């Protein structure tokens, strides 16, 4: 910084000091004012830093509790499906998608249930092997294969849903009606945020995702 720049900054500070201290102007009070201003700026920076750390901590805690909830849910779902040919929530999700929403291509089914292609294909093969779903050639596109639920699949799903309702009730826990609605709204918002990232940004680095979506 040059002498001119220092003098210019001092003049600017004197003008600010004059505006905030109209009654008593002196060199001593100006120096005290400068010292107080410096301390306040330091506190402000510390507060901003503390706020940033607090935000990072809360984000980490959100991720941690979501991860824990997935573990809890997996435990209850395992109990619900212990006597069923359905292996976990993926099997249940794939089957309910076909039986309640209609026929889909393999790609549509896998993407809807947020699965990797390889693991999604394993689920499809398992459901087909157990006779719960079947594949057929698309009438409009002979290159495409569509999937549909079978009568056996619908029967198995109906039985499994009775236990899954119990699991879902436990997963929702001790939240009251208003809390459940609020949580559902928040989760739906997060789902809307994450799904396009999952579908479009499979090879994108985290820094680029943050820059693009946040």
N, C-alpha and C. Protein backbone atom coordinates (compact mmCIF):
# COMPACT_ATOMS: atom_id res chain seq x y z
N UNK A 1 0.85 -1.20 0.00
CA UNK A 1 0.00 0.00 0.00
C UNK A 1 0.88 1.25 0.00
N UNK A 2 0.61 2.23 -0.85
CA UNK A 2 1.39 3.45 -0.92
C UNK A 2 0.97 4.44 0.15
N UNK A 3 1.82 5.51 0.35
CA UNK A 3 1.49 6.54 1.33
C UNK A 3 0.16 7.21 0.97
N UNK A 4 -0.04 7.44 -0.31
CA UNK A 4 -1.26 8.10 -0.76
C UNK A 4 -2.49 7.26 -0.41
N UNK A 5 -2.37 5.95 -0.62
CA UNK A 5 -3.49 5.04 -0.32
C UNK A 5 -3.79 5.01 1.17
N UNK A 6 -2.72 5.07 1.99
CA UNK A 6 -2.91 5.09 3.45
C UNK A 6 -3.61 6.36 3.88
N UNK A 7 -3.15 7.51 3.32
CA UNK A 7 -3.76 8.80 3.65
C UNK A 7 -5.22 8.82 3.21
N UNK A 8 -5.49 8.28 2.02
CA UNK A 8 -6.86 8.23 1.50
C UNK A 8 -7.75 7.41 2.42
N UNK A 9 -7.25 6.28 2.91
CA UNK A 9 -8.02 5.42 3.81
C UNK A 9 -8.26 6.12 5.14
N UNK A 10 -7.24 6.84 5.64
CA UNK A 10 -7.38 7.57 6.91
C UNK A 10 -8.43 8.67 6.78
N UNK A 11 -8.41 9.38 5.66
CA UNK A 11 -9.40 10.44 5.44
C UNK A 11 -10.81 9.86 5.42
N UNK A 12 -10.95 8.72 4.78
CA UNK A 12 -12.25 8.06 4.72
C UNK A 12 -12.70 7.66 6.12
N UNK A 13 -11.75 7.20 6.94
CA UNK A 13 -12.10 6.79 8.31
C UNK A 13 -12.44 7.99 9.17
N UNK A 14 -11.73 9.10 8.96
CA UNK A 14 -12.03 10.32 9.71
C UNK A 14 -13.44 10.80 9.40
N UNK A 15 -13.81 10.73 8.13
CA UNK A 15 -15.16 11.14 7.73
C UNK A 15 -16.21 10.26 8.39
N UNK A 16 -15.94 8.94 8.44
CA UNK A 16 -16.87 8.01 9.09
C UNK A 16 -16.95 8.30 10.58
N UNK A 17 -15.79 8.60 11.19
CA UNK A 17 -15.71 8.93 12.61
C UNK A 17 -16.50 10.20 12.91
N UNK A 18 -16.39 11.19 12.02
CA UNK A 18 -17.08 12.46 12.21
C UNK A 18 -18.59 12.29 12.18
N UNK A 19 -19.06 11.44 11.29
CA UNK A 19 -20.51 11.19 11.18
C UNK A 19 -21.04 10.51 12.43
N UNK A 20 -20.28 9.60 12.99
CA UNK A 20 -20.74 8.82 14.14
C UNK A 20 -20.44 9.50 15.48
N UNK A 21 -19.67 10.59 15.47
CA UNK A 21 -19.32 11.28 16.72
C UNK A 21 -19.43 12.79 16.51
N UNK A 22 -20.63 13.27 16.34
CA UNK A 22 -20.84 14.68 16.02
C UNK A 22 -20.53 15.61 17.20
N UNK A 23 -20.68 15.14 18.43
CA UNK A 23 -20.59 16.03 19.59
C UNK A 23 -19.15 16.27 20.04
N UNK A 24 -18.33 15.23 20.10
CA UNK A 24 -16.96 15.40 20.61
C UNK A 24 -15.97 14.82 19.63
N UNK A 25 -15.20 15.69 18.98
CA UNK A 25 -14.21 15.26 18.01
C UNK A 25 -12.82 15.60 18.54
N UNK A 26 -11.98 14.59 18.67
CA UNK A 26 -10.61 14.81 19.11
C UNK A 26 -9.75 13.65 18.63
N UNK A 27 -8.44 13.90 18.66
CA UNK A 27 -7.52 12.85 18.22
C UNK A 27 -7.64 11.62 19.12
N UNK A 28 -7.74 11.88 20.44
CA UNK A 28 -7.83 10.78 21.39
C UNK A 28 -9.09 9.94 21.17
N UNK A 29 -10.23 10.64 20.98
CA UNK A 29 -11.48 9.90 20.79
C UNK A 29 -11.47 9.19 19.44
N UNK A 30 -10.78 9.79 18.44
CA UNK A 30 -10.67 9.15 17.13
C UNK A 30 -9.90 7.84 17.24
N UNK A 31 -8.80 7.85 18.01
CA UNK A 31 -8.00 6.64 18.18
C UNK A 31 -8.78 5.57 18.93
N UNK A 32 -9.56 6.00 19.93
CA UNK A 32 -10.40 5.04 20.66
C UNK A 32 -11.46 4.44 19.73
N UNK A 33 -12.03 5.31 18.89
CA UNK A 33 -13.05 4.86 17.93
C UNK A 33 -12.47 3.83 16.96
N UNK A 34 -11.24 4.10 16.47
CA UNK A 34 -10.57 3.18 15.56
C UNK A 34 -10.32 1.83 16.23
N UNK A 35 -9.90 1.88 17.49
CA UNK A 35 -9.62 0.64 18.22
C UNK A 35 -10.89 -0.17 18.42
N UNK A 36 -11.99 0.50 18.77
CA UNK A 36 -13.27 -0.19 18.97
C UNK A 36 -13.78 -0.78 17.65
N UNK A 37 -13.60 -0.01 16.58
CA UNK A 37 -14.02 -0.49 15.25
C UNK A 37 -13.24 -1.74 14.85
N UNK A 38 -11.95 -1.74 15.16
CA UNK A 38 -11.10 -2.90 14.85
C UNK A 38 -11.54 -4.13 15.62
N UNK A 39 -11.87 -3.92 16.91
CA UNK A 39 -12.33 -5.04 17.75
C UNK A 39 -13.65 -5.59 17.23
N UNK A 40 -14.56 -4.68 16.85
CA UNK A 40 -15.87 -5.11 16.35
C UNK A 40 -15.74 -5.88 15.04
N UNK A 41 -14.82 -5.42 14.19
CA UNK A 41 -14.58 -6.13 12.94
C UNK A 41 -14.06 -7.53 13.20
N UNK A 42 -13.18 -7.64 14.22
CA UNK A 42 -12.65 -8.95 14.59
C UNK A 42 -13.73 -9.88 15.09
N UNK A 43 -14.65 -9.29 15.93
CA UNK A 43 -15.76 -10.08 16.44
C UNK A 43 -16.68 -10.52 15.31
N UNK A 44 -16.91 -9.61 14.36
CA UNK A 44 -17.78 -9.92 13.22
C UNK A 44 -17.20 -11.06 12.39
N UNK A 45 -15.90 -11.02 12.14
CA UNK A 45 -15.25 -12.09 11.37
C UNK A 45 -15.32 -13.40 12.13
N UNK A 46 -15.11 -13.33 13.46
CA UNK A 46 -15.18 -14.54 14.27
C UNK A 46 -16.59 -15.11 14.27
N UNK A 47 -17.58 -14.19 14.33
CA UNK A 47 -18.99 -14.64 14.32
C UNK A 47 -19.33 -15.31 12.98
N UNK A 48 -18.84 -14.70 11.89
CA UNK A 48 -19.08 -15.29 10.57
C UNK A 48 -18.44 -16.65 10.43
N UNK A 49 -17.21 -16.75 10.97
CA UNK A 49 -16.50 -18.03 10.93
C UNK A 49 -17.24 -19.07 11.75
N UNK A 50 -17.73 -18.65 12.92
CA UNK A 50 -18.47 -19.56 13.80
C UNK A 50 -19.77 -20.01 13.12
N UNK A 51 -20.42 -19.06 12.43
CA UNK A 51 -21.66 -19.38 11.72
C UNK A 51 -21.39 -20.38 10.61
N UNK A 52 -20.26 -20.20 9.90
CA UNK A 52 -19.91 -21.10 8.81
C UNK A 52 -19.63 -22.51 9.35
N UNK A 53 -18.90 -22.57 10.48
CA UNK A 53 -18.61 -23.86 11.10
C UNK A 53 -19.90 -24.53 11.57
N UNK A 54 -20.81 -23.72 12.13
CA UNK A 54 -22.08 -24.25 12.61
C UNK A 54 -22.89 -24.83 11.46
N UNK A 55 -22.87 -24.13 10.30
CA UNK A 55 -23.60 -24.60 9.13
C UNK A 55 -23.03 -25.92 8.62
N UNK A 56 -21.70 -25.99 8.57
CA UNK A 56 -21.05 -27.22 8.13
C UNK A 56 -21.37 -28.38 9.07
N UNK A 57 -21.39 -28.09 10.37
CA UNK A 57 -21.68 -29.13 11.35
C UNK A 57 -23.12 -29.62 11.20
N UNK A 58 -24.07 -28.68 11.01
CA UNK A 58 -25.47 -29.08 10.87
C UNK A 58 -25.68 -29.91 9.61
N UNK A 59 -24.98 -29.56 8.52
CA UNK A 59 -25.09 -30.33 7.28
C UNK A 59 -24.56 -31.74 7.47
N UNK A 60 -23.45 -31.84 8.20
CA UNK A 60 -22.89 -33.17 8.47
C UNK A 60 -23.84 -33.99 9.31
N UNK A 61 -24.48 -33.35 10.30
CA UNK A 61 -25.41 -34.06 11.17
C UNK A 61 -26.64 -34.53 10.39
N UNK A 62 -27.12 -33.71 9.45
CA UNK A 62 -28.24 -34.11 8.61
C UNK A 62 -27.88 -35.38 7.85
N UNK A 63 -26.69 -35.38 7.22
CA UNK A 63 -26.24 -36.55 6.45
C UNK A 63 -26.13 -37.77 7.36
N UNK A 64 -25.61 -37.54 8.56
CA UNK A 64 -25.41 -38.65 9.51
C UNK A 64 -26.74 -39.26 9.94
N UNK A 65 -27.72 -38.41 10.27
CA UNK A 65 -29.00 -38.93 10.73
C UNK A 65 -29.80 -39.59 9.61
N UNK A 66 -29.67 -39.06 8.38
CA UNK A 66 -30.31 -39.71 7.23
C UNK A 66 -29.73 -41.11 7.05
N UNK A 67 -28.42 -41.20 7.18
CA UNK A 67 -27.73 -42.50 7.06
C UNK A 67 -28.21 -43.46 8.16
N UNK A 68 -28.33 -42.95 9.39
CA UNK A 68 -28.83 -43.79 10.49
C UNK A 68 -30.26 -44.25 10.24
N UNK A 69 -31.10 -43.34 9.76
CA UNK A 69 -32.49 -43.71 9.49
C UNK A 69 -32.58 -44.81 8.44
N UNK A 70 -31.69 -44.77 7.44
CA UNK A 70 -31.70 -45.83 6.43
C UNK A 70 -31.34 -47.17 7.06
N UNK A 71 -30.47 -47.14 8.06
CA UNK A 71 -30.09 -48.37 8.77
C UNK A 71 -31.27 -48.90 9.59
N UNK A 72 -31.93 -48.00 10.29
CA UNK A 72 -33.10 -48.40 11.08
C UNK A 72 -34.18 -48.99 10.18
N UNK A 73 -34.47 -48.29 9.08
CA UNK A 73 -35.51 -48.74 8.16
C UNK A 73 -35.17 -50.11 7.58
N UNK A 74 -33.91 -50.32 7.25
CA UNK A 74 -33.48 -51.60 6.68
C UNK A 74 -33.74 -52.74 7.66
N UNK A 75 -33.54 -52.47 8.95
CA UNK A 75 -33.78 -53.48 9.98
C UNK A 75 -35.25 -53.88 10.04
N UNK A 76 -36.13 -52.87 10.03
CA UNK A 76 -37.57 -53.14 10.10
C UNK A 76 -38.08 -53.82 8.84
N UNK A 77 -37.57 -53.40 7.68
CA UNK A 77 -37.98 -54.00 6.41
C UNK A 77 -37.55 -55.47 6.36
N UNK A 78 -36.38 -55.76 6.87
CA UNK A 78 -35.90 -57.14 6.91
C UNK A 78 -36.84 -58.03 7.72
N UNK A 79 -37.33 -57.51 8.84
CA UNK A 79 -38.29 -58.25 9.66
C UNK A 79 -39.61 -58.44 8.91
N UNK A 80 -40.03 -57.37 8.20
CA UNK A 80 -41.31 -57.42 7.50
C UNK A 80 -41.30 -58.44 6.36
N UNK A 81 -40.15 -58.64 5.74
CA UNK A 81 -40.06 -59.51 4.56
C UNK A 81 -39.40 -60.86 4.85
N UNK A 82 -39.25 -61.20 6.12
CA UNK A 82 -38.51 -62.43 6.47
C UNK A 82 -39.18 -63.70 5.95
N UNK A 83 -40.49 -63.70 5.79
CA UNK A 83 -41.18 -64.88 5.28
C UNK A 83 -41.62 -64.72 3.82
N UNK A 84 -41.04 -63.74 3.15
CA UNK A 84 -41.42 -63.43 1.77
C UNK A 84 -40.27 -63.75 0.81
N UNK A 85 -40.57 -64.08 -0.45
CA UNK A 85 -39.51 -64.27 -1.44
C UNK A 85 -38.85 -62.96 -1.84
N UNK A 86 -39.39 -61.85 -1.39
CA UNK A 86 -38.80 -60.54 -1.69
C UNK A 86 -37.57 -60.32 -0.81
N UNK A 87 -36.48 -59.93 -1.46
CA UNK A 87 -35.22 -59.74 -0.73
C UNK A 87 -34.98 -58.25 -0.54
N UNK A 88 -35.43 -57.71 0.56
CA UNK A 88 -35.17 -56.31 0.87
C UNK A 88 -36.06 -55.32 0.15
N UNK A 89 -35.76 -54.05 0.41
CA UNK A 89 -36.61 -52.96 -0.08
C UNK A 89 -36.54 -52.80 -1.59
N UNK A 90 -35.42 -53.16 -2.21
CA UNK A 90 -35.32 -53.03 -3.67
C UNK A 90 -36.32 -53.95 -4.37
N UNK A 91 -36.39 -55.21 -3.93
CA UNK A 91 -37.36 -56.14 -4.51
C UNK A 91 -38.78 -55.61 -4.34
N UNK A 92 -39.07 -55.15 -3.14
CA UNK A 92 -40.40 -54.63 -2.84
C UNK A 92 -40.71 -53.40 -3.70
N UNK A 93 -39.76 -52.49 -3.82
CA UNK A 93 -39.95 -51.28 -4.60
C UNK A 93 -40.16 -51.55 -6.07
N UNK A 94 -39.36 -52.47 -6.63
CA UNK A 94 -39.50 -52.82 -8.04
C UNK A 94 -40.88 -53.44 -8.31
N UNK A 95 -41.29 -54.35 -7.43
CA UNK A 95 -42.55 -55.06 -7.63
C UNK A 95 -43.74 -54.14 -7.48
N UNK A 96 -43.72 -53.27 -6.48
CA UNK A 96 -44.86 -52.38 -6.27
C UNK A 96 -44.96 -51.36 -7.41
N UNK A 97 -43.81 -50.97 -7.97
CA UNK A 97 -43.81 -50.05 -9.10
C UNK A 97 -44.54 -50.66 -10.30
N UNK A 98 -44.28 -51.93 -10.56
CA UNK A 98 -44.90 -52.59 -11.71
C UNK A 98 -46.36 -52.93 -11.46
N UNK A 99 -46.67 -53.37 -10.26
CA UNK A 99 -48.04 -53.81 -9.97
C UNK A 99 -49.01 -52.65 -9.79
N UNK A 100 -48.53 -51.51 -9.31
CA UNK A 100 -49.41 -50.39 -9.03
C UNK A 100 -49.33 -49.25 -10.04
N UNK A 101 -48.20 -49.14 -10.73
CA UNK A 101 -48.02 -48.02 -11.67
C UNK A 101 -48.07 -48.47 -13.12
N UNK A 102 -47.99 -49.77 -13.36
CA UNK A 102 -48.05 -50.25 -14.73
C UNK A 102 -46.70 -50.68 -15.27
N UNK A 103 -46.71 -51.20 -16.49
CA UNK A 103 -45.51 -51.76 -17.10
C UNK A 103 -44.46 -50.68 -17.35
N UNK A 104 -43.19 -51.11 -17.28
CA UNK A 104 -42.08 -50.19 -17.50
C UNK A 104 -40.95 -50.91 -18.21
N UNK A 105 -40.07 -50.13 -18.82
CA UNK A 105 -38.85 -50.73 -19.37
C UNK A 105 -37.89 -50.97 -18.20
N UNK A 106 -36.87 -51.75 -18.45
CA UNK A 106 -35.89 -52.02 -17.40
C UNK A 106 -35.22 -50.73 -16.92
N UNK A 107 -34.88 -49.88 -17.89
CA UNK A 107 -34.21 -48.62 -17.55
C UNK A 107 -35.11 -47.74 -16.70
N UNK A 108 -36.38 -47.62 -17.09
CA UNK A 108 -37.33 -46.80 -16.33
C UNK A 108 -37.47 -47.31 -14.90
N UNK A 109 -37.56 -48.62 -14.76
CA UNK A 109 -37.75 -49.23 -13.44
C UNK A 109 -36.53 -49.00 -12.55
N UNK A 110 -35.36 -49.19 -13.12
CA UNK A 110 -34.12 -49.03 -12.36
C UNK A 110 -33.91 -47.58 -11.94
N UNK A 111 -34.14 -46.66 -12.86
CA UNK A 111 -33.96 -45.24 -12.54
C UNK A 111 -34.97 -44.75 -11.52
N UNK A 112 -36.20 -45.20 -11.63
CA UNK A 112 -37.24 -44.77 -10.70
C UNK A 112 -36.91 -45.18 -9.27
N UNK A 113 -36.31 -46.35 -9.14
CA UNK A 113 -35.99 -46.85 -7.80
C UNK A 113 -34.56 -46.53 -7.35
N UNK A 114 -33.91 -45.63 -8.08
CA UNK A 114 -32.58 -45.12 -7.71
C UNK A 114 -31.59 -46.26 -7.46
N UNK A 115 -31.38 -47.06 -8.49
CA UNK A 115 -30.44 -48.18 -8.41
C UNK A 115 -29.36 -48.04 -9.47
N UNK A 116 -28.19 -48.60 -9.17
CA UNK A 116 -27.18 -48.76 -10.20
C UNK A 116 -27.69 -49.80 -11.20
N UNK A 117 -27.24 -49.69 -12.44
CA UNK A 117 -27.72 -50.60 -13.48
C UNK A 117 -27.45 -52.06 -13.11
N UNK A 118 -26.23 -52.34 -12.64
CA UNK A 118 -25.86 -53.73 -12.34
C UNK A 118 -26.71 -54.32 -11.22
N UNK A 119 -26.87 -53.55 -10.13
CA UNK A 119 -27.67 -54.06 -9.01
C UNK A 119 -29.15 -54.12 -9.38
N UNK A 120 -29.60 -53.15 -10.19
CA UNK A 120 -31.00 -53.16 -10.63
C UNK A 120 -31.32 -54.36 -11.50
N UNK A 121 -30.39 -54.74 -12.36
CA UNK A 121 -30.58 -55.91 -13.22
C UNK A 121 -30.64 -57.19 -12.39
N UNK A 122 -29.87 -57.23 -11.31
CA UNK A 122 -29.90 -58.40 -10.42
C UNK A 122 -31.28 -58.54 -9.77
N UNK A 123 -31.85 -57.41 -9.36
CA UNK A 123 -33.19 -57.42 -8.76
C UNK A 123 -34.21 -57.93 -9.78
N UNK A 124 -34.13 -57.44 -11.00
CA UNK A 124 -35.06 -57.86 -12.06
C UNK A 124 -34.93 -59.36 -12.33
N UNK A 125 -33.71 -59.84 -12.42
CA UNK A 125 -33.48 -61.27 -12.66
C UNK A 125 -34.07 -62.12 -11.53
N UNK A 126 -33.89 -61.65 -10.30
CA UNK A 126 -34.39 -62.40 -9.14
C UNK A 126 -35.92 -62.45 -9.14
N UNK A 127 -36.55 -61.32 -9.43
CA UNK A 127 -38.02 -61.27 -9.47
C UNK A 127 -38.58 -62.13 -10.60
N UNK A 128 -37.90 -62.12 -11.75
CA UNK A 128 -38.33 -62.96 -12.88
C UNK A 128 -38.15 -64.43 -12.54
N UNK A 129 -37.03 -64.77 -11.94
CA UNK A 129 -36.76 -66.16 -11.58
C UNK A 129 -37.81 -66.71 -10.63
N UNK A 130 -38.29 -65.84 -9.72
CA UNK A 130 -39.31 -66.25 -8.75
C UNK A 130 -40.73 -66.16 -9.31
N UNK A 131 -40.84 -65.77 -10.57
CA UNK A 131 -42.15 -65.70 -11.21
C UNK A 131 -43.02 -64.54 -10.76
N UNK A 132 -42.39 -63.51 -10.19
CA UNK A 132 -43.15 -62.37 -9.68
C UNK A 132 -43.36 -61.29 -10.74
N UNK A 133 -42.47 -61.25 -11.71
CA UNK A 133 -42.62 -60.35 -12.84
C UNK A 133 -42.25 -61.11 -14.11
N UNK A 134 -42.63 -60.56 -15.25
CA UNK A 134 -42.23 -61.18 -16.52
C UNK A 134 -41.92 -60.09 -17.54
N UNK A 135 -41.13 -60.43 -18.53
CA UNK A 135 -40.75 -59.47 -19.56
C UNK A 135 -41.43 -59.83 -20.87
N UNK A 136 -41.63 -58.81 -21.69
CA UNK A 136 -42.21 -59.04 -23.01
C UNK A 136 -41.72 -57.94 -23.95
N UNK A 137 -41.81 -58.20 -25.23
CA UNK A 137 -41.33 -57.26 -26.24
C UNK A 137 -42.32 -56.11 -26.43
N UNK A 138 -41.81 -54.91 -26.45
CA UNK A 138 -42.65 -53.73 -26.64
C UNK A 138 -43.25 -53.76 -28.04
N UNK A 139 -44.57 -53.58 -28.11
CA UNK A 139 -45.26 -53.63 -29.41
C UNK A 139 -44.86 -52.47 -30.32
N UNK A 140 -44.55 -51.32 -29.73
CA UNK A 140 -44.20 -50.14 -30.52
C UNK A 140 -42.72 -50.04 -30.85
N UNK A 141 -41.91 -50.71 -30.05
CA UNK A 141 -40.46 -50.69 -30.27
C UNK A 141 -39.94 -52.10 -30.07
N UNK A 142 -39.71 -52.81 -31.13
CA UNK A 142 -39.31 -54.22 -31.05
C UNK A 142 -37.95 -54.41 -30.38
N UNK A 143 -37.17 -53.33 -30.28
CA UNK A 143 -35.86 -53.44 -29.63
C UNK A 143 -35.96 -53.33 -28.11
N UNK A 144 -37.09 -52.86 -27.63
CA UNK A 144 -37.25 -52.62 -26.20
C UNK A 144 -37.98 -53.78 -25.52
N UNK A 145 -37.58 -54.03 -24.28
CA UNK A 145 -38.22 -55.06 -23.45
C UNK A 145 -38.94 -54.37 -22.30
N UNK A 146 -40.19 -54.72 -22.08
CA UNK A 146 -40.96 -54.16 -20.98
C UNK A 146 -41.21 -55.22 -19.92
N UNK A 147 -41.48 -54.75 -18.73
CA UNK A 147 -41.71 -55.63 -17.59
C UNK A 147 -43.09 -55.41 -17.03
N UNK A 148 -43.69 -56.46 -16.51
CA UNK A 148 -45.01 -56.37 -15.90
C UNK A 148 -45.09 -57.32 -14.71
N UNK A 149 -45.94 -57.00 -13.74
CA UNK A 149 -46.13 -57.89 -12.60
C UNK A 149 -47.04 -59.05 -12.97
N UNK A 150 -46.77 -60.20 -12.40
CA UNK A 150 -47.59 -61.39 -12.65
C UNK A 150 -48.64 -61.53 -11.56
N UNK A 151 -49.66 -62.38 -11.78
CA UNK A 151 -50.65 -62.64 -10.72
C UNK A 151 -49.98 -63.12 -9.43
N UNK A 152 -48.94 -63.95 -9.57
CA UNK A 152 -48.21 -64.41 -8.38
C UNK A 152 -47.53 -63.24 -7.70
N UNK A 153 -46.95 -62.35 -8.50
CA UNK A 153 -46.30 -61.18 -7.94
C UNK A 153 -47.26 -60.30 -7.18
N UNK A 154 -48.46 -60.12 -7.73
CA UNK A 154 -49.48 -59.31 -7.06
C UNK A 154 -49.93 -59.94 -5.75
N UNK A 155 -50.00 -61.27 -5.75
CA UNK A 155 -50.40 -61.99 -4.53
C UNK A 155 -49.32 -61.84 -3.45
N UNK A 156 -48.08 -62.03 -3.84
CA UNK A 156 -46.96 -61.91 -2.90
C UNK A 156 -46.87 -60.48 -2.37
N UNK A 157 -47.09 -59.51 -3.26
CA UNK A 157 -47.01 -58.10 -2.86
C UNK A 157 -48.10 -57.76 -1.84
N UNK A 158 -49.31 -58.27 -2.06
CA UNK A 158 -50.42 -57.99 -1.15
C UNK A 158 -50.11 -58.50 0.26
N UNK A 159 -49.50 -59.68 0.34
CA UNK A 159 -49.13 -60.25 1.65
C UNK A 159 -48.02 -59.43 2.28
N UNK A 160 -47.00 -59.08 1.47
CA UNK A 160 -45.86 -58.33 1.99
C UNK A 160 -46.27 -56.95 2.48
N UNK A 161 -47.24 -56.34 1.81
CA UNK A 161 -47.65 -54.98 2.19
C UNK A 161 -48.25 -54.92 3.58
N UNK A 162 -48.89 -55.98 4.00
CA UNK A 162 -49.46 -56.00 5.35
C UNK A 162 -48.36 -55.83 6.40
N UNK A 163 -47.24 -56.51 6.20
CA UNK A 163 -46.11 -56.39 7.12
C UNK A 163 -45.35 -55.08 6.91
N UNK A 164 -45.28 -54.62 5.66
CA UNK A 164 -44.57 -53.38 5.37
C UNK A 164 -45.29 -52.18 5.98
N UNK A 165 -46.62 -52.25 6.07
CA UNK A 165 -47.36 -51.18 6.73
C UNK A 165 -46.96 -51.10 8.20
N UNK A 166 -46.75 -52.26 8.82
CA UNK A 166 -46.32 -52.28 10.23
C UNK A 166 -44.92 -51.65 10.35
N UNK A 167 -44.03 -52.02 9.43
CA UNK A 167 -42.67 -51.48 9.45
C UNK A 167 -42.69 -49.97 9.24
N UNK A 168 -43.51 -49.51 8.29
CA UNK A 168 -43.61 -48.08 7.99
C UNK A 168 -44.12 -47.31 9.19
N UNK A 169 -45.08 -47.91 9.91
CA UNK A 169 -45.63 -47.27 11.10
C UNK A 169 -44.55 -47.08 12.16
N UNK A 170 -43.69 -48.08 12.31
CA UNK A 170 -42.60 -48.00 13.30
C UNK A 170 -41.55 -46.99 12.85
N UNK A 171 -41.24 -46.99 11.55
CA UNK A 171 -40.24 -46.06 11.01
C UNK A 171 -40.66 -44.61 11.23
N UNK A 172 -41.96 -44.32 11.06
CA UNK A 172 -42.47 -42.96 11.29
C UNK A 172 -42.37 -42.57 12.75
N UNK A 173 -42.25 -43.58 13.62
CA UNK A 173 -41.95 -43.36 15.03
C UNK A 173 -42.99 -42.58 15.80
N UNK A 174 -42.51 -41.74 16.73
CA UNK A 174 -43.39 -41.01 17.64
C UNK A 174 -43.70 -39.59 17.16
N UNK A 175 -43.56 -39.36 15.85
CA UNK A 175 -43.93 -38.05 15.31
C UNK A 175 -45.44 -37.88 15.28
N UNK A 176 -45.90 -36.68 15.61
CA UNK A 176 -47.34 -36.43 15.50
C UNK A 176 -47.70 -36.13 14.05
N UNK A 177 -49.00 -35.91 13.78
CA UNK A 177 -49.46 -35.72 12.40
C UNK A 177 -48.79 -34.52 11.73
N UNK A 178 -48.67 -33.43 12.47
CA UNK A 178 -48.06 -32.22 11.90
C UNK A 178 -46.58 -32.45 11.60
N UNK A 179 -45.88 -33.12 12.51
CA UNK A 179 -44.46 -33.40 12.30
C UNK A 179 -44.25 -34.34 11.11
N UNK A 180 -45.14 -35.32 10.97
CA UNK A 180 -45.03 -36.24 9.83
C UNK A 180 -45.24 -35.51 8.51
N UNK A 181 -46.20 -34.59 8.49
CA UNK A 181 -46.47 -33.83 7.27
C UNK A 181 -45.28 -32.92 6.94
N UNK A 182 -44.72 -32.28 7.97
CA UNK A 182 -43.55 -31.42 7.76
C UNK A 182 -42.35 -32.22 7.24
N UNK A 183 -42.13 -33.39 7.85
CA UNK A 183 -41.01 -34.24 7.42
C UNK A 183 -41.22 -34.71 5.99
N UNK A 184 -42.45 -35.10 5.68
CA UNK A 184 -42.75 -35.57 4.32
C UNK A 184 -42.50 -34.46 3.30
N UNK A 185 -42.88 -33.24 3.65
CA UNK A 185 -42.66 -32.10 2.76
C UNK A 185 -41.17 -31.86 2.53
N UNK A 186 -40.39 -31.94 3.61
CA UNK A 186 -38.94 -31.72 3.51
C UNK A 186 -38.28 -32.83 2.70
N UNK A 187 -38.65 -34.07 2.98
CA UNK A 187 -38.06 -35.20 2.25
C UNK A 187 -38.41 -35.16 0.77
N UNK A 188 -39.64 -34.75 0.46
CA UNK A 188 -40.06 -34.63 -0.93
C UNK A 188 -39.25 -33.54 -1.64
N UNK A 189 -38.97 -32.45 -0.93
CA UNK A 189 -38.15 -31.38 -1.49
C UNK A 189 -36.73 -31.86 -1.76
N UNK A 190 -36.16 -32.60 -0.83
CA UNK A 190 -34.81 -33.14 -1.01
C UNK A 190 -34.77 -34.15 -2.16
N UNK A 191 -35.83 -34.95 -2.26
CA UNK A 191 -35.92 -35.92 -3.35
C UNK A 191 -35.92 -35.19 -4.70
N UNK A 192 -36.69 -34.11 -4.79
CA UNK A 192 -36.74 -33.33 -6.01
C UNK A 192 -35.40 -32.70 -6.35
N UNK A 193 -34.62 -32.38 -5.33
CA UNK A 193 -33.29 -31.80 -5.55
C UNK A 193 -32.29 -32.86 -6.02
N UNK A 194 -32.31 -34.02 -5.38
CA UNK A 194 -31.27 -35.02 -5.63
C UNK A 194 -31.51 -35.88 -6.88
N UNK A 195 -32.77 -36.11 -7.23
CA UNK A 195 -33.03 -37.04 -8.35
C UNK A 195 -32.39 -36.60 -9.67
N UNK A 196 -32.53 -35.33 -10.11
CA UNK A 196 -31.87 -34.96 -11.36
C UNK A 196 -30.35 -35.06 -11.29
N UNK A 197 -29.79 -34.82 -10.11
CA UNK A 197 -28.33 -34.97 -9.96
C UNK A 197 -27.95 -36.43 -10.14
N UNK A 198 -28.74 -37.32 -9.55
CA UNK A 198 -28.48 -38.75 -9.67
C UNK A 198 -28.57 -39.21 -11.12
N UNK A 199 -29.58 -38.71 -11.83
CA UNK A 199 -29.82 -39.14 -13.20
C UNK A 199 -28.83 -38.54 -14.21
N UNK A 200 -28.37 -37.32 -13.93
CA UNK A 200 -27.56 -36.59 -14.93
C UNK A 200 -26.09 -36.44 -14.58
N UNK A 201 -25.75 -36.54 -13.32
CA UNK A 201 -24.39 -36.18 -12.89
C UNK A 201 -23.60 -37.36 -12.33
N UNK A 202 -23.81 -38.53 -12.92
CA UNK A 202 -23.13 -39.73 -12.41
C UNK A 202 -21.62 -39.64 -12.42
N UNK A 203 -21.05 -38.92 -13.38
CA UNK A 203 -19.59 -38.81 -13.50
C UNK A 203 -19.06 -37.44 -13.09
N UNK A 204 -19.93 -36.61 -12.54
CA UNK A 204 -19.55 -35.25 -12.16
C UNK A 204 -18.93 -35.23 -10.76
N UNK A 205 -17.85 -34.47 -10.59
CA UNK A 205 -17.18 -34.36 -9.30
C UNK A 205 -18.03 -33.51 -8.33
N UNK A 206 -17.78 -33.71 -7.04
CA UNK A 206 -18.58 -33.03 -6.01
C UNK A 206 -18.48 -31.51 -6.11
N UNK A 207 -17.28 -30.98 -6.37
CA UNK A 207 -17.12 -29.53 -6.46
C UNK A 207 -17.98 -28.95 -7.58
N UNK A 208 -18.06 -29.64 -8.69
CA UNK A 208 -18.85 -29.17 -9.82
C UNK A 208 -20.34 -29.26 -9.53
N UNK A 209 -20.75 -30.32 -8.81
CA UNK A 209 -22.16 -30.46 -8.42
C UNK A 209 -22.57 -29.33 -7.49
N UNK A 210 -21.71 -29.01 -6.53
CA UNK A 210 -22.00 -27.93 -5.60
C UNK A 210 -22.14 -26.60 -6.33
N UNK A 211 -21.23 -26.35 -7.25
CA UNK A 211 -21.23 -25.10 -8.01
C UNK A 211 -22.48 -24.99 -8.89
N UNK A 212 -22.93 -26.08 -9.43
CA UNK A 212 -24.05 -26.08 -10.37
C UNK A 212 -25.41 -26.05 -9.69
N UNK A 213 -25.53 -26.69 -8.53
CA UNK A 213 -26.87 -26.87 -7.93
C UNK A 213 -27.09 -26.10 -6.63
N UNK A 214 -26.03 -25.60 -6.00
CA UNK A 214 -26.20 -24.93 -4.71
C UNK A 214 -25.92 -23.43 -4.82
